[in-house]
Amino acid sequence: MRISEGPITQVAWVTDDIAATEAAIGSQFGITQWTSMGDIHFGPETCTYRGEPADFVAKVSLAYSGDLQLELIQPVSGDSV
């Protein structure tokens, strides 16, 4: 497998505690503000999990460190990553 030759533009973490991860990652990267999107519903019309229609909810939070976008994902319900 060949890795793309461009700069890395986004890094994402899946966590079971989005608030604690915001604090930990924020202190490491000097981030003081996150954009939190709360509970987002991903429906089976547009999402799959292991090849089957997926219906799940996740909390998502975004921030930037320079040009690097940081994304935190906390599964809330349903089958997902």
C-alpha atoms as a PDB file:
ATOM      1  CA  MET A   1       0.000   0.000   0.000  1.00  0.00           C
ATOM      2  CA  ARG A   2       1.301   3.434  -0.880  1.00  0.00           C
ATOM      3  CA  ILE A   3       0.704   6.337   1.499  1.00  0.00           C
ATOM      4  CA  SER A   4      -0.321   9.655  -0.080  1.00  0.00           C
ATOM      5  CA  GLU A   5       2.540  12.092  -0.476  1.00  0.00           C
ATOM      6  CA  GLY A   6       0.673  15.185   0.708  1.00  0.00           C
ATOM      7  CA  PRO A   7       0.740  16.694   4.174  1.00  0.00           C
ATOM      8  CA  ILE A   8      -1.414  15.104   6.869  1.00  0.00           C
ATOM      9  CA  THR A   9      -4.493  17.314   7.220  1.00  0.00           C
ATOM     10  CA  GLN A  10      -6.595  15.432   9.782  1.00  0.00           C
ATOM     11  CA  VAL A  11      -6.108  13.074  12.708  1.00  0.00           C
ATOM     12  CA  ALA A  12      -9.069  11.402  14.418  1.00  0.00           C
ATOM     13  CA  TRP A  13      -9.454   9.532  17.692  1.00  0.00           C
ATOM     14  CA  VAL A  14     -12.323   7.310  18.849  1.00  0.00           C
ATOM     15  CA  THR A  15     -12.870   7.687  22.580  1.00  0.00           C
ATOM     16  CA  ASP A  16     -15.291   6.624  25.292  1.00  0.00           C
ATOM     17  CA  ASP A  17     -15.070  10.038  27.037  1.00  0.00           C
ATOM     18  CA  ILE A  18     -15.040  12.977  24.637  1.00  0.00           C
ATOM     19  CA  ALA A  19     -14.774  15.647  27.376  1.00  0.00           C
ATOM     20  CA  ALA A  20     -11.728  14.004  28.981  1.00  0.00           C
ATOM     21  CA  THR A  21     -10.112  13.521  25.575  1.00  0.00           C
ATOM     22  CA  GLU A  22     -10.740  17.178  24.655  1.00  0.00           C
ATOM     23  CA  ALA A  23      -8.900  18.163  27.841  1.00  0.00           C
ATOM     24  CA  ALA A  24      -6.009  15.741  27.310  1.00  0.00           C
ATOM     25  CA  ILE A  25      -5.473  16.374  23.590  1.00  0.00           C
ATOM     26  CA  GLY A  26      -6.171  20.084  24.064  1.00  0.00           C
ATOM     27  CA  SER A  27      -3.410  20.442  26.642  1.00  0.00           C
ATOM     28  CA  GLN A  28      -0.937  18.573  24.411  1.00  0.00           C
ATOM     29  CA  PHE A  29      -1.704  20.685  21.322  1.00  0.00           C
ATOM     30  CA  GLY A  30      -2.473  23.991  23.071  1.00  0.00           C
ATOM     31  CA  ILE A  31      -6.139  23.953  22.027  1.00  0.00           C
ATOM     32  CA  THR A  32      -8.521  26.000  24.135  1.00  0.00           C
ATOM     33  CA  GLN A  33     -11.697  25.680  22.064  1.00  0.00           C
ATOM     34  CA  TRP A  34     -13.381  22.694  20.425  1.00  0.00           C
ATOM     35  CA  THR A  35     -16.379  22.762  18.094  1.00  0.00           C
ATOM     36  CA  SER A  36     -18.706  20.159  19.571  1.00  0.00           C
ATOM     37  CA  MET A  37     -21.545  18.781  17.467  1.00  0.00           C
ATOM     38  CA  GLY A  38     -23.323  16.764  20.140  1.00  0.00           C
ATOM     39  CA  ASP A  39     -25.194  13.599  19.221  1.00  0.00           C
ATOM     40  CA  ILE A  40     -25.192  13.008  15.464  1.00  0.00           C
ATOM     41  CA  HIS A  41     -27.414  10.298  14.000  1.00  0.00           C
ATOM     42  CA  PHE A  42     -25.936   8.258  11.146  1.00  0.00           C
ATOM     43  CA  GLY A  43     -28.738   6.328   9.434  1.00  0.00           C
ATOM     44  CA  PRO A  44     -28.812   3.121   7.403  1.00  0.00           C
ATOM     45  CA  GLU A  45     -29.744   5.077   4.266  1.00  0.00           C
ATOM     46  CA  THR A  46     -26.176   6.365   3.993  1.00  0.00           C
ATOM     47  CA  CYS A  47     -23.995   4.321   6.380  1.00  0.00           C
ATOM     48  CA  THR A  48     -22.774   0.752   6.582  1.00  0.00           C
ATOM     49  CA  TYR A  49     -20.903  -1.222   9.222  1.00  0.00           C
ATOM     50  CA  ARG A  50     -19.124  -4.388   8.089  1.00  0.00           C
ATOM     51  CA  GLY A  51     -21.097  -4.342   4.853  1.00  0.00           C
ATOM     52  CA  GLU A  52     -24.534  -4.057   6.478  1.00  0.00           C
ATOM     53  CA  PRO A  53     -26.769  -0.983   6.889  1.00  0.00           C
ATOM     54  CA  ALA A  54     -25.784   0.859  10.063  1.00  0.00           C
ATOM     55  CA  ASP A  55     -27.868   2.971  12.413  1.00  0.00           C
ATOM     56  CA  PHE A  56     -25.811   4.654  15.128  1.00  0.00           C
ATOM     57  CA  VAL A  57     -25.271   7.850  17.106  1.00  0.00           C
ATOM     58  CA  ALA A  58     -21.914   9.469  17.871  1.00  0.00           C
ATOM     59  CA  LYS A  59     -20.687  12.673  19.486  1.00  0.00           C
ATOM     60  CA  VAL A  60     -18.156  14.563  17.360  1.00  0.00           C
ATOM     61  CA  SER A  61     -15.811  17.365  18.330  1.00  0.00           C
ATOM     62  CA  LEU A  62     -13.359  19.241  16.066  1.00  0.00           C
ATOM     63  CA  ALA A  63     -10.438  21.610  16.585  1.00  0.00           C
ATOM     64  CA  TYR A  64      -7.409  22.861  14.675  1.00  0.00           C
ATOM     65  CA  SER A  65      -3.752  22.908  15.572  1.00  0.00           C
ATOM     66  CA  GLY A  66      -2.315  25.094  12.812  1.00  0.00           C
ATOM     67  CA  ASP A  67      -3.507  23.508   9.558  1.00  0.00           C
ATOM     68  CA  LEU A  68      -4.068  20.106  11.204  1.00  0.00           C
ATOM     69  CA  GLN A  69      -7.702  19.250  11.964  1.00  0.00           C
ATOM     70  CA  LEU A  70      -8.213  17.130  15.074  1.00  0.00           C
ATOM     71  CA  GLU A  71     -11.430  15.083  15.341  1.00  0.00           C
ATOM     72  CA  LEU A  72     -12.790  13.245  18.362  1.00  0.00           C
ATOM     73  CA  ILE A  73     -15.547  10.644  18.001  1.00  0.00           C
ATOM     74  CA  GLN A  74     -17.465   9.095  20.894  1.00  0.00           C
ATOM     75  CA  PRO A  75     -19.874   6.283  19.959  1.00  0.00           C
ATOM     76  CA  VAL A  76     -23.167   6.713  21.851  1.00  0.00           C
ATOM     77  CA  SER A  77     -25.447   3.954  20.539  1.00  0.00           C
ATOM     78  CA  GLY A  78     -25.721   1.386  17.757  1.00  0.00           C
ATOM     79  CA  ASP A  79     -23.001  -0.585  15.993  1.00  0.00           C
ATOM     80  CA  SER A  80     -20.076   1.467  14.672  1.00  0.00           C
ATOM     81  CA  VAL A  81     -16.312   1.742  14.916  1.00  0.00           C
END
